[in-house]
Protein backbone atom coordinates (compact mmCIF):
# COMPACT_ATOMS: atom_id res chain seq x y z
CA MET A 1 98.46 123.57 -51.22
CA ALA A 2 98.26 122.22 -47.58
CA LYS A 3 95.82 124.04 -45.43
CA SER A 4 97.39 126.50 -42.60
CA VAL A 5 97.55 125.81 -39.47
CA PHE A 6 96.67 129.74 -38.30
CA SER A 7 93.73 131.71 -39.19
CA GLY A 8 92.40 134.90 -38.78
CA HIS A 9 94.79 138.01 -38.75
CA HIS A 10 97.46 136.21 -39.24
CA LYS A 11 97.09 136.12 -42.73
CA PHE A 12 97.64 140.35 -42.66
CA LEU A 13 101.31 139.33 -41.65
CA VAL A 14 101.51 137.05 -44.38
CA GLU A 15 100.41 138.87 -47.39
CA THR A 16 102.85 142.06 -46.08
CA LEU A 17 105.63 139.80 -45.87
CA ILE A 18 105.08 138.30 -49.53
CA ALA A 19 104.17 141.91 -50.87
CA ALA A 20 107.54 143.17 -49.42
CA ARG A 21 109.70 140.34 -50.80
CA GLN A 22 107.94 141.13 -54.06
CA ARG A 23 108.74 144.87 -53.81
CA SER A 24 112.44 144.00 -53.24
CA GLY A 25 112.88 141.51 -56.33
CA GLN A 26 113.77 138.62 -54.35
CA THR A 27 112.70 135.09 -54.98
CA GLN A 28 112.18 132.91 -51.75
CA GLN A 29 115.69 131.44 -52.57
CA GLN A 30 117.60 134.77 -52.40
CA LEU A 31 115.64 136.22 -48.94
CA ALA A 32 116.26 132.71 -47.04
CA ALA A 33 119.81 132.91 -48.78
CA ARG A 34 120.30 136.29 -47.18
CA ILE A 35 119.36 135.62 -43.39
CA GLY A 36 120.77 132.45 -43.87
CA LYS A 37 117.93 129.69 -43.93
CA ASP A 38 116.46 127.08 -46.62
CA GLN A 39 114.21 128.49 -49.22
CA SER A 40 111.44 125.90 -47.53
CA TYR A 41 111.58 128.29 -44.50
CA ILE A 42 110.40 131.32 -46.66
CA SER A 43 107.45 129.19 -48.31
CA ILE A 44 106.47 127.60 -45.08
CA ILE A 45 106.19 131.17 -43.89
CA GLU A 46 104.47 132.17 -47.17
CA ASN A 47 102.02 129.46 -46.95
CA SER A 48 100.90 130.41 -43.35
CA GLN A 49 102.14 126.71 -42.02
CA ARG A 50 104.70 128.90 -39.66
CA ARG A 51 104.53 132.18 -37.77
CA VAL A 52 107.52 134.75 -37.35
CA ASP A 53 108.61 136.08 -34.17
CA VAL A 54 109.64 139.78 -33.99
CA LEU A 55 113.12 138.83 -34.13
CA GLU A 56 112.70 136.90 -37.25
CA PHE A 57 110.53 139.61 -38.58
CA PHE A 58 113.19 141.95 -38.01
CA ALA A 59 115.24 139.90 -39.65
CA LEU A 60 112.89 138.81 -42.71
CA ALA A 61 112.73 142.86 -43.37
CA THR A 62 116.23 144.09 -43.28
CA ALA A 63 116.96 141.32 -45.65
CA MET A 64 114.53 142.64 -47.74
CA GLY A 65 115.81 146.49 -47.48
CA GLU A 66 112.74 147.50 -45.51
CA ASP A 67 112.38 149.45 -41.90
CA PRO A 68 111.27 146.96 -39.65
CA VAL A 69 109.15 149.17 -37.95
CA GLU A 70 107.71 150.81 -41.22
CA LEU A 71 106.91 147.27 -42.20
CA PHE A 72 105.25 146.30 -39.55
CA ARG A 73 102.79 149.47 -39.06
CA GLU A 74 101.56 147.83 -42.45
CA VAL A 75 100.58 144.84 -40.80
CA ALA A 76 99.34 146.90 -37.97
CA GLU A 77 97.25 149.19 -40.14
CA LYS A 78 95.32 146.25 -41.77
CA LEU A 79 94.79 144.76 -38.17
CA PRO A 80 91.16 145.65 -36.55
CA ARG A 81 91.63 147.82 -33.73
CA ASP A 82 89.17 145.16 -31.39
CA LEU A 83 91.62 142.50 -32.42
CA ALA A 84 91.26 139.64 -29.71
CA VAL A 85 94.20 137.28 -29.25
């Protein structure tokens, strides 16, 4: 597996997105098709090789049947309160 270009707290976002996709019962390919992308797009995100901006997060959450605000809350709850960017 390729090494992540991101480290630290980014893993919490990735873990949350993977868990949400699994809860939705979708494969990477199915989720990608719902947002008009190739399967590799989801794979690269889930392997921490690509960051997700807020609009992409919204599209992914919606395509998985999740409330984007609630899904982001899951991420935020995992982050330390003294997070330095």
